[in-house]
Amino acid sequence: MEDLEHSSYFASQEQEYAFSIDDLMDQYSDVELHLVYTYVKNRTVAEDLTQVIFIKCYEKVKGSLL
C-alpha cells in the first residue's frame, strides 16, 4: 500500500512539474532564444541550444524531487 501512495505522490509531483516547465518555457523561451542567438548568430542553432537548456533545467528540477 505504501508503494502505491509513494508512486501516486511522485505522479502528482511530475504533473506539477509539467505545468511548471511549460510555464517557464512560455515565459522565458523568447528571452532565452534571443540571448543564445546573440552568441551564435544562427537561428536554427539558437533554437536547438535553447531546447537543450530547457531539457537540462527539467532534468535538474526532476532530479531534485527524487
Protein backbone atom coordinates (compact mmCIF):
# COMPACT_ATOMS: atom_id res chain seq x y z
CA MET A 1 0.00 0.00 0.00
CA GLU A 2 2.83 2.37 0.82
CA ASP A 3 4.36 1.81 -2.63
CA LEU A 4 1.09 2.89 -4.24
CA GLU A 5 0.96 6.05 -2.12
CA HIS A 6 4.61 6.71 -2.88
CA SER A 7 4.11 6.37 -6.65
CA SER A 8 0.95 8.48 -6.51
CA TYR A 9 2.87 11.22 -4.74
CA PHE A 10 5.56 11.26 -7.41
CA ALA A 11 2.99 11.13 -10.21
CA SER A 12 1.31 14.24 -8.80
CA GLN A 13 4.72 15.92 -8.44
CA GLU A 14 5.52 15.15 -12.09
CA GLN A 15 2.21 16.68 -13.15
CA GLU A 16 3.14 19.83 -11.21
CA TYR A 17 6.49 19.83 -12.99
CA ALA A 18 4.84 19.51 -16.37
CA PHE A 19 2.92 22.69 -15.70
CA SER A 20 5.96 24.43 -14.24
CA ILE A 21 8.21 23.59 -17.17
CA ASP A 22 5.53 24.65 -19.64
CA ASP A 23 5.10 27.91 -17.76
CA LEU A 24 8.84 28.52 -17.71
CA MET A 25 9.15 27.79 -21.41
CA ASP A 26 6.21 30.05 -22.25
CA GLN A 27 7.60 32.84 -20.14
CA TYR A 28 11.31 32.63 -20.93
CA SER A 29 11.80 30.86 -24.26
CA ASP A 30 11.80 34.05 -26.34
CA VAL A 31 14.22 35.77 -23.96
CA GLU A 32 16.45 32.72 -23.83
CA LEU A 33 16.34 32.31 -27.61
CA HIS A 34 17.32 35.94 -28.10
CA LEU A 35 20.19 35.64 -25.65
CA VAL A 36 21.51 32.47 -27.25
CA TYR A 37 21.14 33.98 -30.71
CA THR A 38 23.32 36.93 -29.70
CA TYR A 39 26.12 34.43 -29.10
CA VAL A 40 25.73 32.03 -32.03
CA LYS A 41 24.21 34.32 -34.73
CA ASN A 42 22.31 31.39 -36.23
CA ARG A 43 18.56 30.98 -35.62
CA THR A 44 18.47 27.18 -36.06
CA VAL A 45 21.42 26.60 -33.75
CA ALA A 46 19.98 29.05 -31.22
CA GLU A 47 16.65 27.18 -31.22
CA ASP A 48 18.42 23.85 -30.70
CA LEU A 49 20.54 25.22 -27.87
CA THR A 50 17.52 26.83 -26.23
CA GLN A 51 15.75 23.48 -26.27
CA VAL A 52 18.80 21.80 -24.71
CA ILE A 53 18.85 24.43 -21.97
CA PHE A 54 15.22 23.77 -21.06
CA ILE A 55 15.76 20.00 -21.12
CA LYS A 56 18.70 20.36 -18.72
CA CYS A 57 16.62 22.57 -16.44
CA TYR A 58 13.85 19.99 -16.46
CA GLU A 59 16.27 17.19 -15.63
CA LYS A 60 17.74 19.19 -12.73
CA VAL A 61 14.33 20.00 -11.32
CA LYS A 62 13.03 16.46 -11.79
CA GLY A 63 16.16 15.03 -10.17
CA SER A 64 15.68 17.22 -7.12
CA LEU A 65 12.31 15.58 -6.46
CA LEU A 66 13.73 12.11 -6.17
